[in-house]
Each structure stands twice: as structure tokens, then as C-alpha cells.
Amino acid sequence: MDESMQQRNLPGGIDEIRINVGDMFELKFWAKKFGVTRSELKSVVKSVGDSPSAVHNQIETSKKNLSLQRVV
């Protein structure tokens, strides 16, 4: 199996390949890591999928857009 396709876990059993919003421990971990609420994280995962990189990119894009709106 290709190493990139292997399931890898972060400390505490957190999967670093996919975000499981149905697991309260993972939901809390990822929300804190990305600096968003659990509800915001669920919304982003629903929108872009459960890939941590896709979720991170969407959150960063949203934060940048909010910053730009405040400047205008």
C-alpha cells in the first residue's frame, strides 16, 4: 500500500487523513486546531468534505475574506 494512502493517526487516536465530525473528541480537537467553533467546523466539513487540508484551506480563505470586508 502506498504510504500516502495509509491511515495515520495523531496522538490520542486522531486520524490525520479525515475529520470525523461524528466523534466529539475529534470534533473538539480539529475545531481548536483550526480556531473555529465546532458548529463552524461541521459546516465547513459539510461544504468541502472531511479532508483536513481542504477544511484548513476553506477556513483560511474565509478568514481572509472577513479581514478584507472589515477593511472596506
PDB file of N, CA and C in Angstrom:
ATOM      1  N   MET A   1       0.843  -1.183   0.000  1.00  0.00           N
ATOM      2  CA  MET A   1       0.000   0.000   0.000  1.00  0.00           C
ATOM      3  C   MET A   1       0.888   1.246   0.000  1.00  0.00           C
ATOM      4  N   ASP A   2       0.568   2.216  -0.816  1.00  0.00           N
ATOM      5  CA  ASP A   2       1.279   3.484  -0.890  1.00  0.00           C
ATOM      6  C   ASP A   2       1.229   4.174   0.469  1.00  0.00           C
ATOM      7  N   GLU A   3       2.362   4.728   0.911  1.00  0.00           N
ATOM      8  CA  GLU A   3       2.423   5.363   2.229  1.00  0.00           C
ATOM      9  C   GLU A   3       1.410   6.496   2.360  1.00  0.00           C
ATOM     10  N   SER A   4       1.171   7.251   1.278  1.00  0.00           N
ATOM     11  CA  SER A   4       0.225   8.363   1.348  1.00  0.00           C
ATOM     12  C   SER A   4      -1.205   7.876   1.543  1.00  0.00           C
ATOM     13  N   MET A   5      -1.473   6.619   1.209  1.00  0.00           N
ATOM     14  CA  MET A   5      -2.819   6.081   1.338  1.00  0.00           C
ATOM     15  C   MET A   5      -3.027   5.384   2.683  1.00  0.00           C
ATOM     16  N   GLN A   6      -1.952   5.187   3.437  1.00  0.00           N
ATOM     17  CA  GLN A   6      -2.079   4.525   4.729  1.00  0.00           C
ATOM     18  C   GLN A   6      -2.733   5.458   5.732  1.00  0.00           C
ATOM     19  N   GLN A   7      -3.532   4.866   6.593  1.00  0.00           N
ATOM     20  CA  GLN A   7      -4.168   5.627   7.657  1.00  0.00           C
ATOM     21  C   GLN A   7      -3.116   5.965   8.697  1.00  0.00           C
ATOM     22  N   ARG A   8      -2.947   7.222   8.993  1.00  0.00           N
ATOM     23  CA  ARG A   8      -2.011   7.639  10.023  1.00  0.00           C
ATOM     24  C   ARG A   8      -2.810   8.320  11.121  1.00  0.00           C
ATOM     25  N   ASN A   9      -2.345   8.197  12.316  1.00  0.00           N
ATOM     26  CA  ASN A   9      -3.049   8.786  13.451  1.00  0.00           C
ATOM     27  C   ASN A   9      -2.158   9.767  14.182  1.00  0.00           C
ATOM     28  N   LEU A  10      -2.765  10.835  14.647  1.00  0.00           N
ATOM     29  CA  LEU A  10      -2.096  11.788  15.506  1.00  0.00           C
ATOM     30  C   LEU A  10      -2.202  11.272  16.936  1.00  0.00           C
ATOM     31  N   PRO A  11      -1.436  11.853  17.857  1.00  0.00           N
ATOM     32  CA  PRO A  11      -1.548  11.424  19.257  1.00  0.00           C
ATOM     33  C   PRO A  11      -3.000  11.473  19.732  1.00  0.00           C
ATOM     34  N   GLY A  12      -3.376  10.516  20.550  1.00  0.00           N
ATOM     35  CA  GLY A  12      -4.744  10.466  21.061  1.00  0.00           C
ATOM     36  C   GLY A  12      -5.694   9.749  20.124  1.00  0.00           C
ATOM     37  N   GLY A  13      -5.171   9.153  19.042  1.00  0.00           N
ATOM     38  CA  GLY A  13      -6.011   8.414  18.119  1.00  0.00           C
ATOM     39  C   GLY A  13      -6.709   9.253  17.074  1.00  0.00           C
ATOM     40  N   ILE A  14      -6.328  10.518  16.935  1.00  0.00           N
ATOM     41  CA  ILE A  14      -6.942  11.391  15.940  1.00  0.00           C
ATOM     42  C   ILE A  14      -6.419  11.022  14.561  1.00  0.00           C
ATOM     43  N   ASP A  15      -7.311  10.792  13.635  1.00  0.00           N
ATOM     44  CA  ASP A  15      -6.961  10.477  12.254  1.00  0.00           C
ATOM     45  C   ASP A  15      -6.537  11.765  11.561  1.00  0.00           C
ATOM     46  N   GLU A  16      -5.357  11.777  10.948  1.00  0.00           N
ATOM     47  CA  GLU A  16      -4.909  12.997  10.266  1.00  0.00           C
ATOM     48  C   GLU A  16      -5.310  13.029   8.790  1.00  0.00           C
ATOM     49  N   ILE A  17      -5.944  11.961   8.300  1.00  0.00           N
ATOM     50  CA  ILE A  17      -6.363  11.883   6.906  1.00  0.00           C
ATOM     51  C   ILE A  17      -7.777  12.416   6.714  1.00  0.00           C
ATOM     52  N   ARG A  18      -8.663  12.158   7.691  1.00  0.00           N
ATOM     53  CA  ARG A  18     -10.055  12.586   7.586  1.00  0.00           C
ATOM     54  C   ARG A  18     -10.544  13.100   8.927  1.00  0.00           C
ATOM     55  N   ILE A  19     -11.440  14.076   8.872  1.00  0.00           N
ATOM     56  CA  ILE A  19     -12.038  14.629  10.084  1.00  0.00           C
ATOM     57  C   ILE A  19     -13.383  13.945  10.305  1.00  0.00           C
ATOM     58  N   ASN A  20     -13.538  13.329  11.458  1.00  0.00           N
ATOM     59  CA  ASN A  20     -14.785  12.656  11.802  1.00  0.00           C
ATOM     60  C   ASN A  20     -15.577  13.570  12.723  1.00  0.00           C
ATOM     61  N   VAL A  21     -16.514  14.336  12.160  1.00  0.00           N
ATOM     62  CA  VAL A  21     -17.299  15.269  12.976  1.00  0.00           C
ATOM     63  C   VAL A  21     -18.313  14.547  13.852  1.00  0.00           C
ATOM     64  N   GLY A  22     -18.481  13.242  13.647  1.00  0.00           N
ATOM     65  CA  GLY A  22     -19.365  12.453  14.488  1.00  0.00           C
ATOM     66  C   GLY A  22     -18.710  12.007  15.784  1.00  0.00           C
ATOM     67  N   ASP A  23     -17.406  12.206  15.885  1.00  0.00           N
ATOM     68  CA  ASP A  23     -16.649  11.852  17.083  1.00  0.00           C
ATOM     69  C   ASP A  23     -16.366  13.143  17.847  1.00  0.00           C
ATOM     70  N   MET A  24     -16.951  13.282  19.035  1.00  0.00           N
ATOM     71  CA  MET A  24     -16.832  14.533  19.788  1.00  0.00           C
ATOM     72  C   MET A  24     -15.380  14.903  20.110  1.00  0.00           C
ATOM     73  N   PHE A  25     -14.536  13.892  20.390  1.00  0.00           N
ATOM     74  CA  PHE A  25     -13.138  14.165  20.683  1.00  0.00           C
ATOM     75  C   PHE A  25     -12.449  14.758  19.460  1.00  0.00           C
ATOM     76  N   GLU A  26     -12.677  14.160  18.273  1.00  0.00           N
ATOM     77  CA  GLU A  26     -12.078  14.681  17.046  1.00  0.00           C
ATOM     78  C   GLU A  26     -12.646  16.053  16.709  1.00  0.00           C
ATOM     79  N   LEU A  27     -13.937  16.218  16.872  1.00  0.00           N
ATOM     80  CA  LEU A  27     -14.573  17.498  16.569  1.00  0.00           C
ATOM     81  C   LEU A  27     -13.948  18.609  17.406  1.00  0.00           C
ATOM     82  N   LYS A  28     -13.764  18.350  18.690  1.00  0.00           N
ATOM     83  CA  LYS A  28     -13.157  19.336  19.588  1.00  0.00           C
ATOM     84  C   LYS A  28     -11.696  19.592  19.198  1.00  0.00           C
ATOM     85  N   PHE A  29     -10.944  18.517  18.909  1.00  0.00           N
ATOM     86  CA  PHE A  29      -9.539  18.647  18.521  1.00  0.00           C
ATOM     87  C   PHE A  29      -9.379  19.528  17.280  1.00  0.00           C
ATOM     88  N   TRP A  30     -10.111  19.192  16.211  1.00  0.00           N
ATOM     89  CA  TRP A  30      -9.949  19.919  14.948  1.00  0.00           C
ATOM     90  C   TRP A  30     -10.478  21.350  15.046  1.00  0.00           C
ATOM     91  N   ALA A  31     -11.562  21.557  15.772  1.00  0.00           N
ATOM     92  CA  ALA A  31     -12.084  22.920  15.940  1.00  0.00           C
ATOM     93  C   ALA A  31     -11.042  23.804  16.635  1.00  0.00           C
ATOM     94  N   LYS A  32     -10.424  23.262  17.672  1.00  0.00           N
ATOM     95  CA  LYS A  32      -9.389  24.021  18.385  1.00  0.00           C
ATOM     96  C   LYS A  32      -8.180  24.254  17.476  1.00  0.00           C
ATOM     97  N   LYS A  33      -7.771  23.224  16.752  1.00  0.00           N
ATOM     98  CA  LYS A  33      -6.609  23.331  15.869  1.00  0.00           C
ATOM     99  C   LYS A  33      -6.816  24.425  14.813  1.00  0.00           C
ATOM    100  N   PHE A  34      -8.032  24.502  14.266  1.00  0.00           N
ATOM    101  CA  PHE A  34      -8.309  25.481  13.206  1.00  0.00           C
ATOM    102  C   PHE A  34      -8.831  26.813  13.736  1.00  0.00           C
ATOM    103  N   GLY A  35      -9.066  26.912  15.041  1.00  0.00           N
ATOM    104  CA  GLY A  35      -9.522  28.168  15.628  1.00  0.00           C
ATOM    105  C   GLY A  35     -10.946  28.534  15.265  1.00  0.00           C
ATOM    106  N   VAL A  36     -11.810  27.519  15.202  1.00  0.00           N
ATOM    107  CA  VAL A  36     -13.222  27.757  14.878  1.00  0.00           C
ATOM    108  C   VAL A  36     -14.084  27.025  15.901  1.00  0.00           C
ATOM    109  N   THR A  37     -15.369  27.315  15.886  1.00  0.00           N
ATOM    110  CA  THR A  37     -16.282  26.590  16.757  1.00  0.00           C
ATOM    111  C   THR A  37     -16.575  25.219  16.154  1.00  0.00           C
ATOM    112  N   ARG A  38     -17.114  24.343  16.973  1.00  0.00           N
ATOM    113  CA  ARG A  38     -17.479  23.010  16.474  1.00  0.00           C
ATOM    114  C   ARG A  38     -18.545  23.118  15.398  1.00  0.00           C
ATOM    115  N   SER A  39     -19.464  24.031  15.578  1.00  0.00           N
ATOM    116  CA  SER A  39     -20.525  24.237  14.591  1.00  0.00           C
ATOM    117  C   SER A  39     -19.948  24.733  13.258  1.00  0.00           C
ATOM    118  N   GLU A  40     -19.002  25.663  13.344  1.00  0.00           N
ATOM    119  CA  GLU A  40     -18.353  26.161  12.121  1.00  0.00           C
ATOM    120  C   GLU A  40     -17.594  25.038  11.414  1.00  0.00           C
ATOM    121  N   LEU A  41     -16.906  24.213  12.193  1.00  0.00           N
ATOM    122  CA  LEU A  41     -16.171  23.095  11.609  1.00  0.00           C
ATOM    123  C   LEU A  41     -17.113  22.132  10.897  1.00  0.00           C
ATOM    124  N   LYS A  42     -18.222  21.791  11.527  1.00  0.00           N
ATOM    125  CA  LYS A  42     -19.201  20.906  10.896  1.00  0.00           C
ATOM    126  C   LYS A  42     -19.687  21.483   9.580  1.00  0.00           C
ATOM    127  N   SER A  43     -19.938  22.770   9.567  1.00  0.00           N
ATOM    128  CA  SER A  43     -20.418  23.435   8.356  1.00  0.00           C
ATOM    129  C   SER A  43     -19.381  23.371   7.234  1.00  0.00           C
ATOM    130  N   VAL A  44     -18.130  23.620   7.572  1.00  0.00           N
ATOM    131  CA  VAL A  44     -17.067  23.575   6.571  1.00  0.00           C
ATOM    132  C   VAL A  44     -16.891  22.155   6.046  1.00  0.00           C
ATOM    133  N   VAL A  45     -16.897  21.164   6.935  1.00  0.00           N
ATOM    134  CA  VAL A  45     -16.760  19.775   6.504  1.00  0.00           C
ATOM    135  C   VAL A  45     -17.915  19.399   5.582  1.00  0.00           C
ATOM    136  N   LYS A  46     -19.109  19.849   5.898  1.00  0.00           N
ATOM    137  CA  LYS A  46     -20.273  19.577   5.045  1.00  0.00           C
ATOM    138  C   LYS A  46     -20.088  20.205   3.665  1.00  0.00           C
ATOM    139  N   SER A  47     -19.445  21.355   3.636  1.00  0.00           N
ATOM    140  CA  SER A  47     -19.246  22.091   2.387  1.00  0.00           C
ATOM    141  C   SER A  47     -18.113  21.534   1.524  1.00  0.00           C
ATOM    142  N   VAL A  48     -16.955  21.228   2.145  1.00  0.00           N
ATOM    143  CA  VAL A  48     -15.774  20.850   1.350  1.00  0.00           C
ATOM    144  C   VAL A  48     -15.314  19.414   1.540  1.00  0.00           C
ATOM    145  N   GLY A  49     -15.940  18.683   2.450  1.00  0.00           N
ATOM    146  CA  GLY A  49     -15.522  17.315   2.715  1.00  0.00           C
ATOM    147  C   GLY A  49     -14.665  17.224   3.963  1.00  0.00           C
ATOM    148  N   ASP A  50     -14.223  15.993   4.274  1.00  0.00           N
ATOM    149  CA  ASP A  50     -13.562  15.754   5.552  1.00  0.00           C
ATOM    150  C   ASP A  50     -12.038  15.752   5.505  1.00  0.00           C
ATOM    151  N   SER A  51     -11.468  16.217   4.414  1.00  0.00           N
ATOM    152  CA  SER A  51     -10.011  16.312   4.311  1.00  0.00           C
ATOM    153  C   SER A  51      -9.512  17.492   5.154  1.00  0.00           C
ATOM    154  N   PRO A  52      -8.601  17.239   6.097  1.00  0.00           N
ATOM    155  CA  PRO A  52      -8.080  18.347   6.908  1.00  0.00           C
ATOM    156  C   PRO A  52      -7.475  19.478   6.070  1.00  0.00           C
ATOM    157  N   SER A  53      -6.796  19.146   4.978  1.00  0.00           N
ATOM    158  CA  SER A  53      -6.201  20.208   4.159  1.00  0.00           C
ATOM    159  C   SER A  53      -7.275  21.032   3.459  1.00  0.00           C
ATOM    160  N   ALA A  54      -8.333  20.395   2.968  1.00  0.00           N
ATOM    161  CA  ALA A  54      -9.423  21.131   2.319  1.00  0.00           C
ATOM    162  C   ALA A  54     -10.146  22.018   3.328  1.00  0.00           C
ATOM    163  N   VAL A  55     -10.366  21.479   4.530  1.00  0.00           N
ATOM    164  CA  VAL A  55     -11.025  22.250   5.580  1.00  0.00           C
ATOM    165  C   VAL A  55     -10.157  23.435   5.986  1.00  0.00           C
ATOM    166  N   HIS A  56      -8.861  23.193   6.167  1.00  0.00           N
ATOM    167  CA  HIS A  56      -7.934  24.274   6.532  1.00  0.00           C
ATOM    168  C   HIS A  56      -7.938  25.375   5.474  1.00  0.00           C
ATOM    169  N   ASN A  57      -7.849  24.981   4.217  1.00  0.00           N
ATOM    170  CA  ASN A  57      -7.838  25.966   3.129  1.00  0.00           C
ATOM    171  C   ASN A  57      -9.116  26.796   3.119  1.00  0.00           C
ATOM    172  N   GLN A  58     -10.263  26.149   3.311  1.00  0.00           N
ATOM    173  CA  GLN A  58     -11.534  26.872   3.319  1.00  0.00           C
ATOM    174  C   GLN A  58     -11.617  27.840   4.489  1.00  0.00           C
ATOM    175  N   ILE A  59     -11.171  27.403   5.650  1.00  0.00           N
ATOM    176  CA  ILE A  59     -11.198  28.272   6.836  1.00  0.00           C
ATOM    177  C   ILE A  59     -10.283  29.469   6.627  1.00  0.00           C
ATOM    178  N   GLU A  60      -9.087  29.240   6.111  1.00  0.00           N
ATOM    179  CA  GLU A  60      -8.149  30.348   5.862  1.00  0.00           C
ATOM    180  C   GLU A  60      -8.713  31.323   4.835  1.00  0.00           C
ATOM    181  N   THR A  61      -9.323  30.807   3.789  1.00  0.00           N
ATOM    182  CA  THR A  61      -9.935  31.666   2.770  1.00  0.00           C
ATOM    183  C   THR A  61     -11.054  32.509   3.388  1.00  0.00           C
ATOM    184  N   SER A  62     -11.869  31.876   4.220  1.00  0.00           N
ATOM    185  CA  SER A  62     -12.961  32.595   4.875  1.00  0.00           C
ATOM    186  C   SER A  62     -12.438  33.684   5.806  1.00  0.00           C
ATOM    187  N   LYS A  63     -11.378  33.374   6.549  1.00  0.00           N
ATOM    188  CA  LYS A  63     -10.788  34.367   7.452  1.00  0.00           C
ATOM    189  C   LYS A  63     -10.230  35.550   6.674  1.00  0.00           C
ATOM    190  N   LYS A  64      -9.570  35.269   5.537  1.00  0.00           N
ATOM    191  CA  LYS A  64      -9.027  36.347   4.708  1.00  0.00           C
ATOM    192  C   LYS A  64     -10.146  37.212   4.157  1.00  0.00           C
ATOM    193  N   ASN A  65     -11.226  36.582   3.707  1.00  0.00           N
ATOM    194  CA  ASN A  65     -12.359  37.332   3.170  1.00  0.00           C
ATOM    195  C   ASN A  65     -12.990  38.210   4.241  1.00  0.00           C
ATOM    196  N   LEU A  66     -13.100  37.700   5.466  1.00  0.00           N
ATOM    197  CA  LEU A  66     -13.635  38.504   6.558  1.00  0.00           C
ATOM    198  C   LEU A  66     -12.736  39.700   6.850  1.00  0.00           C
ATOM    199  N   SER A  67     -11.433  39.485   6.838  1.00  0.00           N
ATOM    200  CA  SER A  67     -10.477  40.573   7.076  1.00  0.00           C
ATOM    201  C   SER A  67     -10.610  41.646   6.010  1.00  0.00           C
ATOM    202  N   LEU A  68     -10.742  41.224   4.768  1.00  0.00           N
ATOM    203  CA  LEU A  68     -10.886  42.176   3.672  1.00  0.00           C
ATOM    204  C   LEU A  68     -12.189  42.962   3.782  1.00  0.00           C
ATOM    205  N   GLN A  69     -13.258  42.321   4.200  1.00  0.00           N
ATOM    206  CA  GLN A  69     -14.549  43.002   4.350  1.00  0.00           C
ATOM    207  C   GLN A  69     -14.474  44.058   5.433  1.00  0.00           C
ATOM    208  N   ARG A  70     -13.714  43.809   6.481  1.00  0.00           N
ATOM    209  CA  ARG A  70     -13.586  44.759   7.574  1.00  0.00           C
ATOM    210  C   ARG A  70     -12.809  46.007   7.145  1.00  0.00           C
ATOM    211  N   VAL A  71     -11.882  45.820   6.200  1.00  0.00           N
ATOM    212  CA  VAL A  71     -11.061  46.934   5.733  1.00  0.00           C
ATOM    213  C   VAL A  71     -11.884  47.871   4.850  1.00  0.00           C
ATOM    214  N   VAL A  72     -12.770  47.312   4.071  1.00  0.00           N
ATOM    215  CA  VAL A  72     -13.554  48.090   3.102  1.00  0.00           C
ATOM    216  C   VAL A  72     -14.570  48.942   3.779  1.00  0.00           C
TER     217      VAL A  72
END
